[in-house]
Amino acid sequence: MIGNKSTIVYDGECRFCIDQVERVKRMDRGGQFEYIPRQSPEVNKRFPALQTINFEEGMRVVDDSGRIFVGADAVHQIARRLPGTRMFAWLYHLPILKQIARQTYKWVAANRKRLGETCENNACKL
């Protein structure tokens, strides 16, 4: 983490993941996040708790207090800070929507490399 920024840790070898992070970067006009691929040696040095976590379950957001959010919970942490998604982020607190979001994210995480390989020219961005 740099200052009070949260850090997004993502799979830097996954085309789908990279595309989604690029999308978040474009929306992050205020520079609220730092972006680091999980393959970076910096990840283990700065966030030792991530060494024991299975990244196949999805990306991570590490907030400025060191809390780690995984998968759909990480997406919620991002959405609640970005213009355009902030106003809808509260919906994640509704139990049924949270459950649906987590199941959907789980499916996307399991299929992300296939999704990235079949997408050309950003035609199938979520």
Protein backbone atom coordinates (compact mmCIF):
# COMPACT_ATOMS: atom_id res chain seq x y z
CA MET A 1 0.00 0.00 0.00
CA ILE A 2 1.14 3.49 -0.71
CA GLY A 3 -0.20 6.08 1.73
CA ASN A 4 -3.89 5.47 2.17
CA LYS A 5 -4.39 3.69 -1.16
CA SER A 6 -5.80 0.22 -1.37
CA THR A 7 -3.86 -2.24 -3.49
CA ILE A 8 -5.42 -4.45 -6.14
CA VAL A 9 -3.45 -7.69 -6.58
CA TYR A 10 -4.44 -9.56 -9.74
CA ASP A 11 -3.23 -12.34 -12.03
CA GLY A 12 -0.80 -10.63 -14.38
CA GLU A 13 -0.71 -13.70 -16.66
CA CYS A 14 -4.45 -13.72 -17.29
CA ARG A 15 -5.62 -11.67 -20.29
CA PHE A 16 -9.15 -11.36 -18.89
CA CYS A 17 -7.81 -10.18 -15.52
CA ILE A 18 -5.49 -7.64 -17.13
CA ASP A 19 -8.34 -6.29 -19.25
CA GLN A 20 -10.57 -5.86 -16.19
CA VAL A 21 -7.81 -4.11 -14.23
CA GLU A 22 -7.26 -1.76 -17.17
CA ARG A 23 -10.95 -0.98 -17.07
CA VAL A 24 -10.76 -0.18 -13.34
CA LYS A 25 -7.70 2.01 -13.94
CA ARG A 26 -9.64 4.07 -16.46
CA MET A 27 -12.42 4.59 -13.93
CA ASP A 28 -9.98 5.35 -11.08
CA ARG A 29 -9.59 9.00 -11.94
CA GLY A 30 -8.68 9.88 -8.36
CA GLY A 31 -5.83 7.36 -8.17
CA GLN A 32 -7.39 5.55 -5.22
CA PHE A 33 -5.78 2.22 -6.03
CA GLU A 34 -2.37 0.77 -6.63
CA TYR A 35 -2.21 -2.15 -9.08
CA ILE A 36 0.24 -5.04 -8.71
CA PRO A 37 0.26 -8.39 -10.55
CA ARG A 38 0.49 -11.29 -8.12
CA GLN A 39 3.58 -12.52 -9.97
CA SER A 40 5.55 -9.45 -8.87
CA PRO A 41 8.23 -10.19 -6.22
CA GLU A 42 6.99 -7.03 -4.49
CA VAL A 43 3.75 -8.80 -3.50
CA ASN A 44 5.42 -11.30 -1.16
CA LYS A 45 7.62 -8.62 0.42
CA ARG A 46 4.82 -6.14 1.04
CA PHE A 47 1.98 -8.54 1.73
CA PRO A 48 3.37 -11.72 3.35
CA ALA A 49 -0.15 -12.86 4.28
CA LEU A 50 -0.89 -13.34 0.57
CA GLN A 51 1.79 -16.04 0.24
CA THR A 52 -0.54 -18.67 1.67
CA ILE A 53 -3.62 -17.64 -0.30
CA ASN A 54 -4.84 -19.52 -3.37
CA PHE A 55 -5.04 -16.90 -6.10
CA GLU A 56 -7.16 -19.22 -8.24
CA GLU A 57 -10.09 -17.95 -6.15
CA GLY A 58 -9.70 -14.45 -7.56
CA MET A 59 -8.07 -11.11 -7.13
CA ARG A 60 -7.32 -9.45 -3.82
CA VAL A 61 -7.77 -5.95 -2.51
CA VAL A 62 -5.60 -5.03 0.46
CA ASP A 63 -6.94 -1.89 2.10
CA ASP A 64 -4.91 0.76 3.92
CA SER A 65 -5.39 -1.04 7.25
CA GLY A 66 -4.11 -4.35 5.84
CA ARG A 67 -7.47 -6.11 5.54
CA ILE A 68 -7.64 -8.53 2.63
CA PHE A 69 -10.75 -8.83 0.47
CA VAL A 70 -11.13 -11.73 -1.96
CA GLY A 71 -13.08 -12.19 -5.19
CA ALA A 72 -16.54 -10.61 -5.16
CA ASP A 73 -15.75 -8.92 -1.83
CA ALA A 74 -12.73 -7.31 -3.54
CA VAL A 75 -14.91 -6.18 -6.44
CA HIS A 76 -17.28 -4.57 -3.93
CA GLN A 77 -14.37 -2.70 -2.30
CA ILE A 78 -13.42 -1.36 -5.72
CA ALA A 79 -16.97 -0.52 -6.78
CA ARG A 80 -17.74 1.45 -3.65
CA ARG A 81 -14.85 3.81 -4.38
CA LEU A 82 -15.26 4.44 -8.10
CA PRO A 83 -17.49 7.03 -9.75
CA GLY A 84 -20.21 5.36 -11.75
CA THR A 85 -20.29 2.24 -9.58
CA ARG A 86 -20.31 3.82 -6.13
CA MET A 87 -24.03 4.55 -6.18
CA PHE A 88 -24.85 0.86 -6.76
CA ALA A 89 -22.28 -0.69 -4.41
CA TRP A 90 -24.70 -0.69 -1.45
CA LEU A 91 -26.68 -3.42 -3.24
CA TYR A 92 -23.89 -5.84 -2.34
CA HIS A 93 -25.06 -5.70 1.26
CA LEU A 94 -28.37 -7.34 0.33
CA PRO A 95 -27.85 -11.02 1.25
CA ILE A 96 -29.31 -12.55 -1.91
CA LEU A 97 -27.34 -10.21 -4.18
CA LYS A 98 -24.14 -10.84 -2.26
CA GLN A 99 -24.66 -14.59 -2.66
CA ILE A 100 -25.34 -14.21 -6.40
CA ALA A 101 -22.28 -11.96 -6.82
CA ARG A 102 -20.05 -14.44 -4.99
CA GLN A 103 -21.28 -17.39 -7.07
CA THR A 104 -20.92 -15.43 -10.30
CA TYR A 105 -17.41 -14.33 -9.35
CA LYS A 106 -16.49 -17.92 -8.47
CA TRP A 107 -17.58 -19.04 -11.95
CA VAL A 108 -15.70 -16.18 -13.65
CA ALA A 109 -12.54 -16.93 -11.62
CA ALA A 110 -12.69 -20.59 -12.60
CA ASN A 111 -13.14 -19.69 -16.28
CA ARG A 112 -11.12 -16.47 -16.51
CA LYS A 113 -8.30 -17.78 -18.67
CA ARG A 114 -10.75 -19.23 -21.16
CA LEU A 115 -12.72 -15.97 -21.18
CA GLY A 116 -9.58 -13.97 -21.86
CA GLU A 117 -8.46 -16.25 -24.66
CA THR A 118 -11.75 -16.11 -26.52
CA CYS A 119 -12.13 -12.35 -26.29
CA GLU A 120 -10.63 -10.40 -29.12
CA ASN A 121 -10.71 -6.64 -29.52
CA ASN A 122 -12.39 -6.33 -26.11
CA ALA A 123 -15.61 -7.69 -27.64
CA CYS A 124 -16.76 -9.60 -24.59
CA LYS A 125 -15.84 -7.34 -21.68
CA LEU A 126 -18.07 -7.77 -18.69
